[in-house]
Amino acid sequence: VYKEEITLETPSPNQNQIAIVFSN
């Protein structure tokens, strides 16, 4: 069984950052 380890990251306060979001 092969599985990704999920870690939660603290959002960056930088308002100019481009958010990359993957849904799959």
PDBML (XML) file of the C-alpha atoms, coordinates in Angstrom:
<?xml version="1.0" encoding="UTF-8" ?>
<PDBx:datablock datablockName="MODEL"
   xmlns:PDBx="http://pdbml.pdb.org/schema/pdbx-v50.xsd"
   xmlns:xsi="http://www.w3.org/2001/XMLSchema-instance"
   xsi:schemaLocation="http://pdbml.pdb.org/schema/pdbx-v50.xsd pdbx-v50.xsd">
   <PDBx:atom_siteCategory>
      <PDBx:atom_site id="1">
         <PDBx:B_iso_or_equiv>0.00</PDBx:B_iso_or_equiv>
         <PDBx:Cartn_x>0.000</PDBx:Cartn_x>
         <PDBx:Cartn_y>0.000</PDBx:Cartn_y>
         <PDBx:Cartn_z>0.000</PDBx:Cartn_z>
         <PDBx:auth_asym_id>A</PDBx:auth_asym_id>
         <PDBx:auth_atom_id>CA</PDBx:auth_atom_id>
         <PDBx:auth_comp_id>VAL</PDBx:auth_comp_id>
         <PDBx:auth_seq_id>1</PDBx:auth_seq_id>
         <PDBx:group_PDB>ATOM</PDBx:group_PDB>
         <PDBx:label_alt_id xsi:nil="true" />
         <PDBx:label_asym_id>A</PDBx:label_asym_id>
         <PDBx:label_atom_id>CA</PDBx:label_atom_id>
         <PDBx:label_comp_id>VAL</PDBx:label_comp_id>
         <PDBx:label_entity_id>1</PDBx:label_entity_id>
         <PDBx:label_seq_id>1</PDBx:label_seq_id>
         <PDBx:occupancy>1.00</PDBx:occupancy>
         <PDBx:pdbx_PDB_model_num>1</PDBx:pdbx_PDB_model_num>
         <PDBx:type_symbol>C</PDBx:type_symbol>
      </PDBx:atom_site>
      <PDBx:atom_site id="2">
         <PDBx:B_iso_or_equiv>0.00</PDBx:B_iso_or_equiv>
         <PDBx:Cartn_x>1.481</PDBx:Cartn_x>
         <PDBx:Cartn_y>3.300</PDBx:Cartn_y>
         <PDBx:Cartn_z>-1.156</PDBx:Cartn_z>
         <PDBx:auth_asym_id>A</PDBx:auth_asym_id>
         <PDBx:auth_atom_id>CA</PDBx:auth_atom_id>
         <PDBx:auth_comp_id>TYR</PDBx:auth_comp_id>
         <PDBx:auth_seq_id>2</PDBx:auth_seq_id>
         <PDBx:group_PDB>ATOM</PDBx:group_PDB>
         <PDBx:label_alt_id xsi:nil="true" />
         <PDBx:label_asym_id>A</PDBx:label_asym_id>
         <PDBx:label_atom_id>CA</PDBx:label_atom_id>
         <PDBx:label_comp_id>TYR</PDBx:label_comp_id>
         <PDBx:label_entity_id>1</PDBx:label_entity_id>
         <PDBx:label_seq_id>2</PDBx:label_seq_id>
         <PDBx:occupancy>1.00</PDBx:occupancy>
         <PDBx:pdbx_PDB_model_num>1</PDBx:pdbx_PDB_model_num>
         <PDBx:type_symbol>C</PDBx:type_symbol>
      </PDBx:atom_site>
      <PDBx:atom_site id="3">
         <PDBx:B_iso_or_equiv>0.00</PDBx:B_iso_or_equiv>
         <PDBx:Cartn_x>0.078</PDBx:Cartn_x>
         <PDBx:Cartn_y>6.527</PDBx:Cartn_y>
         <PDBx:Cartn_z>0.305</PDBx:Cartn_z>
         <PDBx:auth_asym_id>A</PDBx:auth_asym_id>
         <PDBx:auth_atom_id>CA</PDBx:auth_atom_id>
         <PDBx:auth_comp_id>LYS</PDBx:auth_comp_id>
         <PDBx:auth_seq_id>3</PDBx:auth_seq_id>
         <PDBx:group_PDB>ATOM</PDBx:group_PDB>
         <PDBx:label_alt_id xsi:nil="true" />
         <PDBx:label_asym_id>A</PDBx:label_asym_id>
         <PDBx:label_atom_id>CA</PDBx:label_atom_id>
         <PDBx:label_comp_id>LYS</PDBx:label_comp_id>
         <PDBx:label_entity_id>1</PDBx:label_entity_id>
         <PDBx:label_seq_id>3</PDBx:label_seq_id>
         <PDBx:occupancy>1.00</PDBx:occupancy>
         <PDBx:pdbx_PDB_model_num>1</PDBx:pdbx_PDB_model_num>
         <PDBx:type_symbol>C</PDBx:type_symbol>
      </PDBx:atom_site>
      <PDBx:atom_site id="4">
         <PDBx:B_iso_or_equiv>0.00</PDBx:B_iso_or_equiv>
         <PDBx:Cartn_x>0.999</PDBx:Cartn_x>
         <PDBx:Cartn_y>10.172</PDBx:Cartn_y>
         <PDBx:Cartn_z>0.484</PDBx:Cartn_z>
         <PDBx:auth_asym_id>A</PDBx:auth_asym_id>
         <PDBx:auth_atom_id>CA</PDBx:auth_atom_id>
         <PDBx:auth_comp_id>GLU</PDBx:auth_comp_id>
         <PDBx:auth_seq_id>4</PDBx:auth_seq_id>
         <PDBx:group_PDB>ATOM</PDBx:group_PDB>
         <PDBx:label_alt_id xsi:nil="true" />
         <PDBx:label_asym_id>A</PDBx:label_asym_id>
         <PDBx:label_atom_id>CA</PDBx:label_atom_id>
         <PDBx:label_comp_id>GLU</PDBx:label_comp_id>
         <PDBx:label_entity_id>1</PDBx:label_entity_id>
         <PDBx:label_seq_id>4</PDBx:label_seq_id>
         <PDBx:occupancy>1.00</PDBx:occupancy>
         <PDBx:pdbx_PDB_model_num>1</PDBx:pdbx_PDB_model_num>
         <PDBx:type_symbol>C</PDBx:type_symbol>
      </PDBx:atom_site>
      <PDBx:atom_site id="5">
         <PDBx:B_iso_or_equiv>0.00</PDBx:B_iso_or_equiv>
         <PDBx:Cartn_x>1.742</PDBx:Cartn_x>
         <PDBx:Cartn_y>11.644</PDBx:Cartn_y>
         <PDBx:Cartn_z>3.907</PDBx:Cartn_z>
         <PDBx:auth_asym_id>A</PDBx:auth_asym_id>
         <PDBx:auth_atom_id>CA</PDBx:auth_atom_id>
         <PDBx:auth_comp_id>GLU</PDBx:auth_comp_id>
         <PDBx:auth_seq_id>5</PDBx:auth_seq_id>
         <PDBx:group_PDB>ATOM</PDBx:group_PDB>
         <PDBx:label_alt_id xsi:nil="true" />
         <PDBx:label_asym_id>A</PDBx:label_asym_id>
         <PDBx:label_atom_id>CA</PDBx:label_atom_id>
         <PDBx:label_comp_id>GLU</PDBx:label_comp_id>
         <PDBx:label_entity_id>1</PDBx:label_entity_id>
         <PDBx:label_seq_id>5</PDBx:label_seq_id>
         <PDBx:occupancy>1.00</PDBx:occupancy>
         <PDBx:pdbx_PDB_model_num>1</PDBx:pdbx_PDB_model_num>
         <PDBx:type_symbol>C</PDBx:type_symbol>
      </PDBx:atom_site>
      <PDBx:atom_site id="6">
         <PDBx:B_iso_or_equiv>0.00</PDBx:B_iso_or_equiv>
         <PDBx:Cartn_x>-0.488</PDBx:Cartn_x>
         <PDBx:Cartn_y>14.712</PDBx:Cartn_y>
         <PDBx:Cartn_z>4.255</PDBx:Cartn_z>
         <PDBx:auth_asym_id>A</PDBx:auth_asym_id>
         <PDBx:auth_atom_id>CA</PDBx:auth_atom_id>
         <PDBx:auth_comp_id>ILE</PDBx:auth_comp_id>
         <PDBx:auth_seq_id>6</PDBx:auth_seq_id>
         <PDBx:group_PDB>ATOM</PDBx:group_PDB>
         <PDBx:label_alt_id xsi:nil="true" />
         <PDBx:label_asym_id>A</PDBx:label_asym_id>
         <PDBx:label_atom_id>CA</PDBx:label_atom_id>
         <PDBx:label_comp_id>ILE</PDBx:label_comp_id>
         <PDBx:label_entity_id>1</PDBx:label_entity_id>
         <PDBx:label_seq_id>6</PDBx:label_seq_id>
         <PDBx:occupancy>1.00</PDBx:occupancy>
         <PDBx:pdbx_PDB_model_num>1</PDBx:pdbx_PDB_model_num>
         <PDBx:type_symbol>C</PDBx:type_symbol>
      </PDBx:atom_site>
      <PDBx:atom_site id="7">
         <PDBx:B_iso_or_equiv>0.00</PDBx:B_iso_or_equiv>
         <PDBx:Cartn_x>0.872</PDBx:Cartn_x>
         <PDBx:Cartn_y>17.678</PDBx:Cartn_y>
         <PDBx:Cartn_z>6.201</PDBx:Cartn_z>
         <PDBx:auth_asym_id>A</PDBx:auth_asym_id>
         <PDBx:auth_atom_id>CA</PDBx:auth_atom_id>
         <PDBx:auth_comp_id>THR</PDBx:auth_comp_id>
         <PDBx:auth_seq_id>7</PDBx:auth_seq_id>
         <PDBx:group_PDB>ATOM</PDBx:group_PDB>
         <PDBx:label_alt_id xsi:nil="true" />
         <PDBx:label_asym_id>A</PDBx:label_asym_id>
         <PDBx:label_atom_id>CA</PDBx:label_atom_id>
         <PDBx:label_comp_id>THR</PDBx:label_comp_id>
         <PDBx:label_entity_id>1</PDBx:label_entity_id>
         <PDBx:label_seq_id>7</PDBx:label_seq_id>
         <PDBx:occupancy>1.00</PDBx:occupancy>
         <PDBx:pdbx_PDB_model_num>1</PDBx:pdbx_PDB_model_num>
         <PDBx:type_symbol>C</PDBx:type_symbol>
      </PDBx:atom_site>
      <PDBx:atom_site id="8">
         <PDBx:B_iso_or_equiv>0.00</PDBx:B_iso_or_equiv>
         <PDBx:Cartn_x>-1.014</PDBx:Cartn_x>
         <PDBx:Cartn_y>20.885</PDBx:Cartn_y>
         <PDBx:Cartn_z>6.978</PDBx:Cartn_z>
         <PDBx:auth_asym_id>A</PDBx:auth_asym_id>
         <PDBx:auth_atom_id>CA</PDBx:auth_atom_id>
         <PDBx:auth_comp_id>LEU</PDBx:auth_comp_id>
         <PDBx:auth_seq_id>8</PDBx:auth_seq_id>
         <PDBx:group_PDB>ATOM</PDBx:group_PDB>
         <PDBx:label_alt_id xsi:nil="true" />
         <PDBx:label_asym_id>A</PDBx:label_asym_id>
         <PDBx:label_atom_id>CA</PDBx:label_atom_id>
         <PDBx:label_comp_id>LEU</PDBx:label_comp_id>
         <PDBx:label_entity_id>1</PDBx:label_entity_id>
         <PDBx:label_seq_id>8</PDBx:label_seq_id>
         <PDBx:occupancy>1.00</PDBx:occupancy>
         <PDBx:pdbx_PDB_model_num>1</PDBx:pdbx_PDB_model_num>
         <PDBx:type_symbol>C</PDBx:type_symbol>
      </PDBx:atom_site>
      <PDBx:atom_site id="9">
         <PDBx:B_iso_or_equiv>0.00</PDBx:B_iso_or_equiv>
         <PDBx:Cartn_x>0.866</PDBx:Cartn_x>
         <PDBx:Cartn_y>24.091</PDBx:Cartn_y>
         <PDBx:Cartn_z>6.222</PDBx:Cartn_z>
         <PDBx:auth_asym_id>A</PDBx:auth_asym_id>
         <PDBx:auth_atom_id>CA</PDBx:auth_atom_id>
         <PDBx:auth_comp_id>GLU</PDBx:auth_comp_id>
         <PDBx:auth_seq_id>9</PDBx:auth_seq_id>
         <PDBx:group_PDB>ATOM</PDBx:group_PDB>
         <PDBx:label_alt_id xsi:nil="true" />
         <PDBx:label_asym_id>A</PDBx:label_asym_id>
         <PDBx:label_atom_id>CA</PDBx:label_atom_id>
         <PDBx:label_comp_id>GLU</PDBx:label_comp_id>
         <PDBx:label_entity_id>1</PDBx:label_entity_id>
         <PDBx:label_seq_id>9</PDBx:label_seq_id>
         <PDBx:occupancy>1.00</PDBx:occupancy>
         <PDBx:pdbx_PDB_model_num>1</PDBx:pdbx_PDB_model_num>
         <PDBx:type_symbol>C</PDBx:type_symbol>
      </PDBx:atom_site>
      <PDBx:atom_site id="10">
         <PDBx:B_iso_or_equiv>0.00</PDBx:B_iso_or_equiv>
         <PDBx:Cartn_x>0.322</PDBx:Cartn_x>
         <PDBx:Cartn_y>27.491</PDBx:Cartn_y>
         <PDBx:Cartn_z>7.811</PDBx:Cartn_z>
         <PDBx:auth_asym_id>A</PDBx:auth_asym_id>
         <PDBx:auth_atom_id>CA</PDBx:auth_atom_id>
         <PDBx:auth_comp_id>THR</PDBx:auth_comp_id>
         <PDBx:auth_seq_id>10</PDBx:auth_seq_id>
         <PDBx:group_PDB>ATOM</PDBx:group_PDB>
         <PDBx:label_alt_id xsi:nil="true" />
         <PDBx:label_asym_id>A</PDBx:label_asym_id>
         <PDBx:label_atom_id>CA</PDBx:label_atom_id>
         <PDBx:label_comp_id>THR</PDBx:label_comp_id>
         <PDBx:label_entity_id>1</PDBx:label_entity_id>
         <PDBx:label_seq_id>10</PDBx:label_seq_id>
         <PDBx:occupancy>1.00</PDBx:occupancy>
         <PDBx:pdbx_PDB_model_num>1</PDBx:pdbx_PDB_model_num>
         <PDBx:type_symbol>C</PDBx:type_symbol>
      </PDBx:atom_site>
      <PDBx:atom_site id="11">
         <PDBx:B_iso_or_equiv>0.00</PDBx:B_iso_or_equiv>
         <PDBx:Cartn_x>-0.966</PDBx:Cartn_x>
         <PDBx:Cartn_y>29.987</PDBx:Cartn_y>
         <PDBx:Cartn_z>5.193</PDBx:Cartn_z>
         <PDBx:auth_asym_id>A</PDBx:auth_asym_id>
         <PDBx:auth_atom_id>CA</PDBx:auth_atom_id>
         <PDBx:auth_comp_id>PRO</PDBx:auth_comp_id>
         <PDBx:auth_seq_id>11</PDBx:auth_seq_id>
         <PDBx:group_PDB>ATOM</PDBx:group_PDB>
         <PDBx:label_alt_id xsi:nil="true" />
         <PDBx:label_asym_id>A</PDBx:label_asym_id>
         <PDBx:label_atom_id>CA</PDBx:label_atom_id>
         <PDBx:label_comp_id>PRO</PDBx:label_comp_id>
         <PDBx:label_entity_id>1</PDBx:label_entity_id>
         <PDBx:label_seq_id>11</PDBx:label_seq_id>
         <PDBx:occupancy>1.00</PDBx:occupancy>
         <PDBx:pdbx_PDB_model_num>1</PDBx:pdbx_PDB_model_num>
         <PDBx:type_symbol>C</PDBx:type_symbol>
      </PDBx:atom_site>
      <PDBx:atom_site id="12">
         <PDBx:B_iso_or_equiv>0.00</PDBx:B_iso_or_equiv>
         <PDBx:Cartn_x>1.552</PDBx:Cartn_x>
         <PDBx:Cartn_y>32.641</PDBx:Cartn_y>
         <PDBx:Cartn_z>4.191</PDBx:Cartn_z>
         <PDBx:auth_asym_id>A</PDBx:auth_asym_id>
         <PDBx:auth_atom_id>CA</PDBx:auth_atom_id>
         <PDBx:auth_comp_id>SER</PDBx:auth_comp_id>
         <PDBx:auth_seq_id>12</PDBx:auth_seq_id>
         <PDBx:group_PDB>ATOM</PDBx:group_PDB>
         <PDBx:label_alt_id xsi:nil="true" />
         <PDBx:label_asym_id>A</PDBx:label_asym_id>
         <PDBx:label_atom_id>CA</PDBx:label_atom_id>
         <PDBx:label_comp_id>SER</PDBx:label_comp_id>
         <PDBx:label_entity_id>1</PDBx:label_entity_id>
         <PDBx:label_seq_id>12</PDBx:label_seq_id>
         <PDBx:occupancy>1.00</PDBx:occupancy>
         <PDBx:pdbx_PDB_model_num>1</PDBx:pdbx_PDB_model_num>
         <PDBx:type_symbol>C</PDBx:type_symbol>
      </PDBx:atom_site>
      <PDBx:atom_site id="13">
         <PDBx:B_iso_or_equiv>0.00</PDBx:B_iso_or_equiv>
         <PDBx:Cartn_x>0.725</PDBx:Cartn_x>
         <PDBx:Cartn_y>36.269</PDBx:Cartn_y>
         <PDBx:Cartn_z>5.161</PDBx:Cartn_z>
         <PDBx:auth_asym_id>A</PDBx:auth_asym_id>
         <PDBx:auth_atom_id>CA</PDBx:auth_atom_id>
         <PDBx:auth_comp_id>PRO</PDBx:auth_comp_id>
         <PDBx:auth_seq_id>13</PDBx:auth_seq_id>
         <PDBx:group_PDB>ATOM</PDBx:group_PDB>
         <PDBx:label_alt_id xsi:nil="true" />
         <PDBx:label_asym_id>A</PDBx:label_asym_id>
         <PDBx:label_atom_id>CA</PDBx:label_atom_id>
         <PDBx:label_comp_id>PRO</PDBx:label_comp_id>
         <PDBx:label_entity_id>1</PDBx:label_entity_id>
         <PDBx:label_seq_id>13</PDBx:label_seq_id>
         <PDBx:occupancy>1.00</PDBx:occupancy>
         <PDBx:pdbx_PDB_model_num>1</PDBx:pdbx_PDB_model_num>
         <PDBx:type_symbol>C</PDBx:type_symbol>
      </PDBx:atom_site>
      <PDBx:atom_site id="14">
         <PDBx:B_iso_or_equiv>0.00</PDBx:B_iso_or_equiv>
         <PDBx:Cartn_x>2.030</PDBx:Cartn_x>
         <PDBx:Cartn_y>37.450</PDBx:Cartn_y>
         <PDBx:Cartn_z>1.765</PDBx:Cartn_z>
         <PDBx:auth_asym_id>A</PDBx:auth_asym_id>
         <PDBx:auth_atom_id>CA</PDBx:auth_atom_id>
         <PDBx:auth_comp_id>ASN</PDBx:auth_comp_id>
         <PDBx:auth_seq_id>14</PDBx:auth_seq_id>
         <PDBx:group_PDB>ATOM</PDBx:group_PDB>
         <PDBx:label_alt_id xsi:nil="true" />
         <PDBx:label_asym_id>A</PDBx:label_asym_id>
         <PDBx:label_atom_id>CA</PDBx:label_atom_id>
         <PDBx:label_comp_id>ASN</PDBx:label_comp_id>
         <PDBx:label_entity_id>1</PDBx:label_entity_id>
         <PDBx:label_seq_id>14</PDBx:label_seq_id>
         <PDBx:occupancy>1.00</PDBx:occupancy>
         <PDBx:pdbx_PDB_model_num>1</PDBx:pdbx_PDB_model_num>
         <PDBx:type_symbol>C</PDBx:type_symbol>
      </PDBx:atom_site>
      <PDBx:atom_site id="15">
         <PDBx:B_iso_or_equiv>0.00</PDBx:B_iso_or_equiv>
         <PDBx:Cartn_x>-1.040</PDBx:Cartn_x>
         <PDBx:Cartn_y>38.854</PDBx:Cartn_y>
         <PDBx:Cartn_z>-0.018</PDBx:Cartn_z>
         <PDBx:auth_asym_id>A</PDBx:auth_asym_id>
         <PDBx:auth_atom_id>CA</PDBx:auth_atom_id>
         <PDBx:auth_comp_id>GLN</PDBx:auth_comp_id>
         <PDBx:auth_seq_id>15</PDBx:auth_seq_id>
         <PDBx:group_PDB>ATOM</PDBx:group_PDB>
         <PDBx:label_alt_id xsi:nil="true" />
         <PDBx:label_asym_id>A</PDBx:label_asym_id>
         <PDBx:label_atom_id>CA</PDBx:label_atom_id>
         <PDBx:label_comp_id>GLN</PDBx:label_comp_id>
         <PDBx:label_entity_id>1</PDBx:label_entity_id>
         <PDBx:label_seq_id>15</PDBx:label_seq_id>
         <PDBx:occupancy>1.00</PDBx:occupancy>
         <PDBx:pdbx_PDB_model_num>1</PDBx:pdbx_PDB_model_num>
         <PDBx:type_symbol>C</PDBx:type_symbol>
      </PDBx:atom_site>
      <PDBx:atom_site id="16">
         <PDBx:B_iso_or_equiv>0.00</PDBx:B_iso_or_equiv>
         <PDBx:Cartn_x>0.696</PDBx:Cartn_x>
         <PDBx:Cartn_y>38.935</PDBx:Cartn_y>
         <PDBx:Cartn_z>-3.403</PDBx:Cartn_z>
         <PDBx:auth_asym_id>A</PDBx:auth_asym_id>
         <PDBx:auth_atom_id>CA</PDBx:auth_atom_id>
         <PDBx:auth_comp_id>ASN</PDBx:auth_comp_id>
         <PDBx:auth_seq_id>16</PDBx:auth_seq_id>
         <PDBx:group_PDB>ATOM</PDBx:group_PDB>
         <PDBx:label_alt_id xsi:nil="true" />
         <PDBx:label_asym_id>A</PDBx:label_asym_id>
         <PDBx:label_atom_id>CA</PDBx:label_atom_id>
         <PDBx:label_comp_id>ASN</PDBx:label_comp_id>
         <PDBx:label_entity_id>1</PDBx:label_entity_id>
         <PDBx:label_seq_id>16</PDBx:label_seq_id>
         <PDBx:occupancy>1.00</PDBx:occupancy>
         <PDBx:pdbx_PDB_model_num>1</PDBx:pdbx_PDB_model_num>
         <PDBx:type_symbol>C</PDBx:type_symbol>
      </PDBx:atom_site>
      <PDBx:atom_site id="17">
         <PDBx:B_iso_or_equiv>0.00</PDBx:B_iso_or_equiv>
         <PDBx:Cartn_x>1.320</PDBx:Cartn_x>
         <PDBx:Cartn_y>35.209</PDBx:Cartn_y>
         <PDBx:Cartn_z>-3.446</PDBx:Cartn_z>
         <PDBx:auth_asym_id>A</PDBx:auth_asym_id>
         <PDBx:auth_atom_id>CA</PDBx:auth_atom_id>
         <PDBx:auth_comp_id>GLN</PDBx:auth_comp_id>
         <PDBx:auth_seq_id>17</PDBx:auth_seq_id>
         <PDBx:group_PDB>ATOM</PDBx:group_PDB>
         <PDBx:label_alt_id xsi:nil="true" />
         <PDBx:label_asym_id>A</PDBx:label_asym_id>
         <PDBx:label_atom_id>CA</PDBx:label_atom_id>
         <PDBx:label_comp_id>GLN</PDBx:label_comp_id>
         <PDBx:label_entity_id>1</PDBx:label_entity_id>
         <PDBx:label_seq_id>17</PDBx:label_seq_id>
         <PDBx:occupancy>1.00</PDBx:occupancy>
         <PDBx:pdbx_PDB_model_num>1</PDBx:pdbx_PDB_model_num>
         <PDBx:type_symbol>C</PDBx:type_symbol>
      </PDBx:atom_site>
      <PDBx:atom_site id="18">
         <PDBx:B_iso_or_equiv>0.00</PDBx:B_iso_or_equiv>
         <PDBx:Cartn_x>-0.255</PDBx:Cartn_x>
         <PDBx:Cartn_y>33.056</PDBx:Cartn_y>
         <PDBx:Cartn_z>-6.159</PDBx:Cartn_z>
         <PDBx:auth_asym_id>A</PDBx:auth_asym_id>
         <PDBx:auth_atom_id>CA</PDBx:auth_atom_id>
         <PDBx:auth_comp_id>ILE</PDBx:auth_comp_id>
         <PDBx:auth_seq_id>18</PDBx:auth_seq_id>
         <PDBx:group_PDB>ATOM</PDBx:group_PDB>
         <PDBx:label_alt_id xsi:nil="true" />
         <PDBx:label_asym_id>A</PDBx:label_asym_id>
         <PDBx:label_atom_id>CA</PDBx:label_atom_id>
         <PDBx:label_comp_id>ILE</PDBx:label_comp_id>
         <PDBx:label_entity_id>1</PDBx:label_entity_id>
         <PDBx:label_seq_id>18</PDBx:label_seq_id>
         <PDBx:occupancy>1.00</PDBx:occupancy>
         <PDBx:pdbx_PDB_model_num>1</PDBx:pdbx_PDB_model_num>
         <PDBx:type_symbol>C</PDBx:type_symbol>
      </PDBx:atom_site>
      <PDBx:atom_site id="19">
         <PDBx:B_iso_or_equiv>0.00</PDBx:B_iso_or_equiv>
         <PDBx:Cartn_x>-2.193</PDBx:Cartn_x>
         <PDBx:Cartn_y>30.161</PDBx:Cartn_y>
         <PDBx:Cartn_z>-4.675</PDBx:Cartn_z>
         <PDBx:auth_asym_id>A</PDBx:auth_asym_id>
         <PDBx:auth_atom_id>CA</PDBx:auth_atom_id>
         <PDBx:auth_comp_id>ALA</PDBx:auth_comp_id>
         <PDBx:auth_seq_id>19</PDBx:auth_seq_id>
         <PDBx:group_PDB>ATOM</PDBx:group_PDB>
         <PDBx:label_alt_id xsi:nil="true" />
         <PDBx:label_asym_id>A</PDBx:label_asym_id>
         <PDBx:label_atom_id>CA</PDBx:label_atom_id>
         <PDBx:label_comp_id>ALA</PDBx:label_comp_id>
         <PDBx:label_entity_id>1</PDBx:label_entity_id>
         <PDBx:label_seq_id>19</PDBx:label_seq_id>
         <PDBx:occupancy>1.00</PDBx:occupancy>
         <PDBx:pdbx_PDB_model_num>1</PDBx:pdbx_PDB_model_num>
         <PDBx:type_symbol>C</PDBx:type_symbol>
      </PDBx:atom_site>
      <PDBx:atom_site id="20">
         <PDBx:B_iso_or_equiv>0.00</PDBx:B_iso_or_equiv>
         <PDBx:Cartn_x>-1.788</PDBx:Cartn_x>
         <PDBx:Cartn_y>26.774</PDBx:Cartn_y>
         <PDBx:Cartn_z>-6.344</PDBx:Cartn_z>
         <PDBx:auth_asym_id>A</PDBx:auth_asym_id>
         <PDBx:auth_atom_id>CA</PDBx:auth_atom_id>
         <PDBx:auth_comp_id>ILE</PDBx:auth_comp_id>
         <PDBx:auth_seq_id>20</PDBx:auth_seq_id>
         <PDBx:group_PDB>ATOM</PDBx:group_PDB>
         <PDBx:label_alt_id xsi:nil="true" />
         <PDBx:label_asym_id>A</PDBx:label_asym_id>
         <PDBx:label_atom_id>CA</PDBx:label_atom_id>
         <PDBx:label_comp_id>ILE</PDBx:label_comp_id>
         <PDBx:label_entity_id>1</PDBx:label_entity_id>
         <PDBx:label_seq_id>20</PDBx:label_seq_id>
         <PDBx:occupancy>1.00</PDBx:occupancy>
         <PDBx:pdbx_PDB_model_num>1</PDBx:pdbx_PDB_model_num>
         <PDBx:type_symbol>C</PDBx:type_symbol>
      </PDBx:atom_site>
      <PDBx:atom_site id="21">
         <PDBx:B_iso_or_equiv>0.00</PDBx:B_iso_or_equiv>
         <PDBx:Cartn_x>-4.642</PDBx:Cartn_x>
         <PDBx:Cartn_y>24.418</PDBx:Cartn_y>
         <PDBx:Cartn_z>-5.524</PDBx:Cartn_z>
         <PDBx:auth_asym_id>A</PDBx:auth_asym_id>
         <PDBx:auth_atom_id>CA</PDBx:auth_atom_id>
         <PDBx:auth_comp_id>VAL</PDBx:auth_comp_id>
         <PDBx:auth_seq_id>21</PDBx:auth_seq_id>
         <PDBx:group_PDB>ATOM</PDBx:group_PDB>
         <PDBx:label_alt_id xsi:nil="true" />
         <PDBx:label_asym_id>A</PDBx:label_asym_id>
         <PDBx:label_atom_id>CA</PDBx:label_atom_id>
         <PDBx:label_comp_id>VAL</PDBx:label_comp_id>
         <PDBx:label_entity_id>1</PDBx:label_entity_id>
         <PDBx:label_seq_id>21</PDBx:label_seq_id>
         <PDBx:occupancy>1.00</PDBx:occupancy>
         <PDBx:pdbx_PDB_model_num>1</PDBx:pdbx_PDB_model_num>
         <PDBx:type_symbol>C</PDBx:type_symbol>
      </PDBx:atom_site>
      <PDBx:atom_site id="22">
         <PDBx:B_iso_or_equiv>0.00</PDBx:B_iso_or_equiv>
         <PDBx:Cartn_x>-5.044</PDBx:Cartn_x>
         <PDBx:Cartn_y>20.842</PDBx:Cartn_y>
         <PDBx:Cartn_z>-6.760</PDBx:Cartn_z>
         <PDBx:auth_asym_id>A</PDBx:auth_asym_id>
         <PDBx:auth_atom_id>CA</PDBx:auth_atom_id>
         <PDBx:auth_comp_id>PHE</PDBx:auth_comp_id>
         <PDBx:auth_seq_id>22</PDBx:auth_seq_id>
         <PDBx:group_PDB>ATOM</PDBx:group_PDB>
         <PDBx:label_alt_id xsi:nil="true" />
         <PDBx:label_asym_id>A</PDBx:label_asym_id>
         <PDBx:label_atom_id>CA</PDBx:label_atom_id>
         <PDBx:label_comp_id>PHE</PDBx:label_comp_id>
         <PDBx:label_entity_id>1</PDBx:label_entity_id>
         <PDBx:label_seq_id>22</PDBx:label_seq_id>
         <PDBx:occupancy>1.00</PDBx:occupancy>
         <PDBx:pdbx_PDB_model_num>1</PDBx:pdbx_PDB_model_num>
         <PDBx:type_symbol>C</PDBx:type_symbol>
      </PDBx:atom_site>
      <PDBx:atom_site id="23">
         <PDBx:B_iso_or_equiv>0.00</PDBx:B_iso_or_equiv>
         <PDBx:Cartn_x>-8.316</PDBx:Cartn_x>
         <PDBx:Cartn_y>19.018</PDBx:Cartn_y>
         <PDBx:Cartn_z>-6.451</PDBx:Cartn_z>
         <PDBx:auth_asym_id>A</PDBx:auth_asym_id>
         <PDBx:auth_atom_id>CA</PDBx:auth_atom_id>
         <PDBx:auth_comp_id>SER</PDBx:auth_comp_id>
         <PDBx:auth_seq_id>23</PDBx:auth_seq_id>
         <PDBx:group_PDB>ATOM</PDBx:group_PDB>
         <PDBx:label_alt_id xsi:nil="true" />
         <PDBx:label_asym_id>A</PDBx:label_asym_id>
         <PDBx:label_atom_id>CA</PDBx:label_atom_id>
         <PDBx:label_comp_id>SER</PDBx:label_comp_id>
         <PDBx:label_entity_id>1</PDBx:label_entity_id>
         <PDBx:label_seq_id>23</PDBx:label_seq_id>
         <PDBx:occupancy>1.00</PDBx:occupancy>
         <PDBx:pdbx_PDB_model_num>1</PDBx:pdbx_PDB_model_num>
         <PDBx:type_symbol>C</PDBx:type_symbol>
      </PDBx:atom_site>
      <PDBx:atom_site id="24">
         <PDBx:B_iso_or_equiv>0.00</PDBx:B_iso_or_equiv>
         <PDBx:Cartn_x>-7.189</PDBx:Cartn_x>
         <PDBx:Cartn_y>15.511</PDBx:Cartn_y>
         <PDBx:Cartn_z>-7.365</PDBx:Cartn_z>
         <PDBx:auth_asym_id>A</PDBx:auth_asym_id>
         <PDBx:auth_atom_id>CA</PDBx:auth_atom_id>
         <PDBx:auth_comp_id>ASN</PDBx:auth_comp_id>
         <PDBx:auth_seq_id>24</PDBx:auth_seq_id>
         <PDBx:group_PDB>ATOM</PDBx:group_PDB>
         <PDBx:label_alt_id xsi:nil="true" />
         <PDBx:label_asym_id>A</PDBx:label_asym_id>
         <PDBx:label_atom_id>CA</PDBx:label_atom_id>
         <PDBx:label_comp_id>ASN</PDBx:label_comp_id>
         <PDBx:label_entity_id>1</PDBx:label_entity_id>
         <PDBx:label_seq_id>24</PDBx:label_seq_id>
         <PDBx:occupancy>1.00</PDBx:occupancy>
         <PDBx:pdbx_PDB_model_num>1</PDBx:pdbx_PDB_model_num>
         <PDBx:type_symbol>C</PDBx:type_symbol>
      </PDBx:atom_site>
   </PDBx:atom_siteCategory>
</PDBx:datablock>
